[in-house]
Amino acid sequence: MIDAIVRSSTRIGIAFPMQSGQFQVSRFSLDSAGKAVDSMRSAVIKEVPPAKGSRGQQS
């Protein structure tokens, strides 16, 4: 679900509560996020052996 949101959005914002009762908001660009996630997954598949009892399925 989050993967689909990231791939279809251009920005994400996260609000952090402050002690004063106000919020600090940080916004991040998601340009090329899909490519970055694909690259990360490819690297993990190459480096991490399948878990014991795994049939090679991804979640």
N, C-alpha and C. Protein backbone atom coordinates (compact mmCIF):
# COMPACT_ATOMS: atom_id res chain seq x y z
N MET A 1 0.82 -1.18 0.00
CA MET A 1 0.00 0.00 0.00
C MET A 1 0.88 1.27 0.00
N ILE A 2 1.86 1.32 0.87
CA ILE A 2 2.74 2.49 0.92
C ILE A 2 3.53 2.60 -0.37
N ASP A 3 3.95 1.46 -0.92
CA ASP A 3 4.69 1.49 -2.18
C ASP A 3 3.87 2.17 -3.27
N ALA A 4 2.60 1.84 -3.37
CA ALA A 4 1.73 2.46 -4.39
C ALA A 4 1.57 3.95 -4.14
N ILE A 5 1.45 4.35 -2.89
CA ILE A 5 1.31 5.78 -2.57
C ILE A 5 2.58 6.53 -2.96
N VAL A 6 3.73 5.98 -2.61
CA VAL A 6 5.01 6.64 -2.93
C VAL A 6 5.19 6.75 -4.43
N ARG A 7 4.83 5.72 -5.16
CA ARG A 7 5.02 5.73 -6.61
C ARG A 7 4.05 6.67 -7.32
N SER A 8 2.91 6.98 -6.70
CA SER A 8 1.93 7.85 -7.37
C SER A 8 1.92 9.28 -6.83
N SER A 9 2.79 9.59 -5.88
CA SER A 9 2.83 10.93 -5.28
C SER A 9 4.11 11.66 -5.67
N THR A 10 4.09 12.98 -5.51
CA THR A 10 5.28 13.77 -5.83
C THR A 10 6.00 14.25 -4.58
N ARG A 11 5.28 14.34 -3.45
CA ARG A 11 5.89 14.78 -2.20
C ARG A 11 5.24 14.06 -1.02
N ILE A 12 5.97 14.02 0.08
CA ILE A 12 5.44 13.50 1.33
C ILE A 12 5.79 14.50 2.43
N GLY A 13 4.89 14.67 3.36
CA GLY A 13 5.14 15.57 4.48
C GLY A 13 4.95 14.82 5.79
N ILE A 14 5.80 15.11 6.75
CA ILE A 14 5.72 14.49 8.07
C ILE A 14 5.65 15.60 9.10
N ALA A 15 4.66 15.52 9.98
CA ALA A 15 4.49 16.53 11.03
C ALA A 15 4.99 15.96 12.36
N PHE A 16 5.87 16.70 13.00
CA PHE A 16 6.45 16.30 14.28
C PHE A 16 5.90 17.20 15.38
N PRO A 17 5.29 16.62 16.42
CA PRO A 17 4.78 17.46 17.51
C PRO A 17 5.94 18.04 18.32
N MET A 18 5.80 19.30 18.70
CA MET A 18 6.81 19.98 19.50
C MET A 18 6.29 20.15 20.92
N GLN A 19 7.19 20.38 21.87
CA GLN A 19 6.79 20.56 23.25
C GLN A 19 5.87 21.77 23.43
N SER A 20 5.96 22.74 22.56
CA SER A 20 5.16 23.96 22.65
C SER A 20 3.70 23.73 22.25
N GLY A 21 3.40 22.53 21.73
CA GLY A 21 2.05 22.26 21.25
C GLY A 21 1.89 22.51 19.76
N GLN A 22 2.91 23.10 19.15
CA GLN A 22 2.89 23.33 17.71
C GLN A 22 3.53 22.13 17.01
N PHE A 23 3.54 22.16 15.69
CA PHE A 23 4.12 21.09 14.90
C PHE A 23 5.23 21.63 14.00
N GLN A 24 6.25 20.84 13.80
CA GLN A 24 7.29 21.12 12.82
C GLN A 24 7.02 20.19 11.64
N VAL A 25 6.88 20.73 10.46
CA VAL A 25 6.56 19.94 9.29
C VAL A 25 7.78 19.86 8.38
N SER A 26 8.11 18.65 7.96
CA SER A 26 9.18 18.45 6.98
C SER A 26 8.56 17.84 5.73
N ARG A 27 8.92 18.37 4.59
CA ARG A 27 8.41 17.87 3.31
C ARG A 27 9.57 17.34 2.49
N PHE A 28 9.31 16.24 1.81
CA PHE A 28 10.34 15.58 1.02
C PHE A 28 9.82 15.31 -0.38
N SER A 29 10.67 15.51 -1.37
CA SER A 29 10.33 15.21 -2.76
C SER A 29 10.40 13.69 -2.96
N LEU A 30 9.49 13.17 -3.75
CA LEU A 30 9.50 11.74 -4.07
C LEU A 30 9.93 11.50 -5.52
N ASP A 31 10.52 12.53 -6.15
CA ASP A 31 11.04 12.34 -7.50
C ASP A 31 12.04 11.19 -7.47
N SER A 32 11.89 10.26 -8.36
CA SER A 32 12.78 9.09 -8.49
C SER A 32 12.69 8.12 -7.32
N ALA A 33 11.70 8.26 -6.45
CA ALA A 33 11.56 7.34 -5.31
C ALA A 33 11.33 5.91 -5.79
N GLY A 34 10.52 5.75 -6.82
CA GLY A 34 10.26 4.41 -7.35
C GLY A 34 11.53 3.73 -7.84
N LYS A 35 12.36 4.48 -8.54
CA LYS A 35 13.64 3.93 -9.02
C LYS A 35 14.55 3.56 -7.85
N ALA A 36 14.55 4.40 -6.81
CA ALA A 36 15.39 4.13 -5.65
C ALA A 36 14.94 2.87 -4.93
N VAL A 37 13.63 2.69 -4.78
CA VAL A 37 13.10 1.49 -4.11
C VAL A 37 13.41 0.25 -4.94
N ASP A 38 13.24 0.34 -6.25
CA ASP A 38 13.57 -0.79 -7.12
C ASP A 38 15.05 -1.16 -7.01
N SER A 39 15.92 -0.16 -6.98
CA SER A 39 17.36 -0.39 -6.86
C SER A 39 17.70 -1.05 -5.52
N MET A 40 17.06 -0.56 -4.45
CA MET A 40 17.30 -1.13 -3.12
C MET A 40 16.86 -2.59 -3.08
N ARG A 41 15.69 -2.88 -3.62
CA ARG A 41 15.19 -4.26 -3.62
C ARG A 41 16.11 -5.17 -4.42
N SER A 42 16.59 -4.71 -5.57
CA SER A 42 17.51 -5.52 -6.38
C SER A 42 18.79 -5.82 -5.62
N ALA A 43 19.33 -4.82 -4.92
CA ALA A 43 20.55 -5.02 -4.15
C ALA A 43 20.34 -6.02 -3.02
N VAL A 44 19.20 -5.94 -2.35
CA VAL A 44 18.91 -6.86 -1.25
C VAL A 44 18.77 -8.29 -1.77
N ILE A 45 18.08 -8.46 -2.88
CA ILE A 45 17.89 -9.79 -3.46
C ILE A 45 19.23 -10.42 -3.80
N LYS A 46 20.17 -9.62 -4.29
CA LYS A 46 21.50 -10.13 -4.65
C LYS A 46 22.33 -10.48 -3.42
N GLU A 47 22.19 -9.74 -2.32
CA GLU A 47 23.07 -9.87 -1.17
C GLU A 47 22.54 -10.74 -0.03
N VAL A 48 21.24 -10.84 0.10
CA VAL A 48 20.66 -11.54 1.26
C VAL A 48 20.13 -12.89 0.81
N PRO A 49 20.64 -13.97 1.42
CA PRO A 49 20.13 -15.30 1.06
C PRO A 49 18.68 -15.45 1.53
N PRO A 50 17.89 -16.28 0.82
CA PRO A 50 16.51 -16.48 1.24
C PRO A 50 16.44 -17.04 2.66
N ALA A 51 15.42 -16.67 3.39
CA ALA A 51 15.23 -17.17 4.75
C ALA A 51 14.99 -18.67 4.72
N LYS A 52 15.39 -19.34 5.77
CA LYS A 52 15.20 -20.77 5.87
C LYS A 52 13.71 -21.08 5.79
N GLY A 53 13.35 -22.00 4.91
CA GLY A 53 11.95 -22.35 4.71
C GLY A 53 11.24 -21.46 3.72
N SER A 54 11.95 -20.45 3.19
CA SER A 54 11.36 -19.53 2.22
C SER A 54 11.32 -20.20 0.86
N ARG A 55 10.33 -19.85 0.08
CA ARG A 55 10.22 -20.37 -1.27
C ARG A 55 10.56 -19.30 -2.29
N GLY A 56 11.27 -18.24 -1.84
CA GLY A 56 11.68 -17.19 -2.74
C GLY A 56 10.60 -16.19 -3.06
N GLN A 57 9.54 -16.20 -2.26
CA GLN A 57 8.44 -15.27 -2.50
C GLN A 57 8.72 -13.95 -1.83
N GLN A 58 8.33 -12.87 -2.49
CA GLN A 58 8.48 -11.53 -1.92
C GLN A 58 7.14 -11.08 -1.41
N SER A 59 7.15 -10.28 -0.32
CA SER A 59 5.89 -9.73 0.19
C SER A 59 5.76 -8.30 -0.22
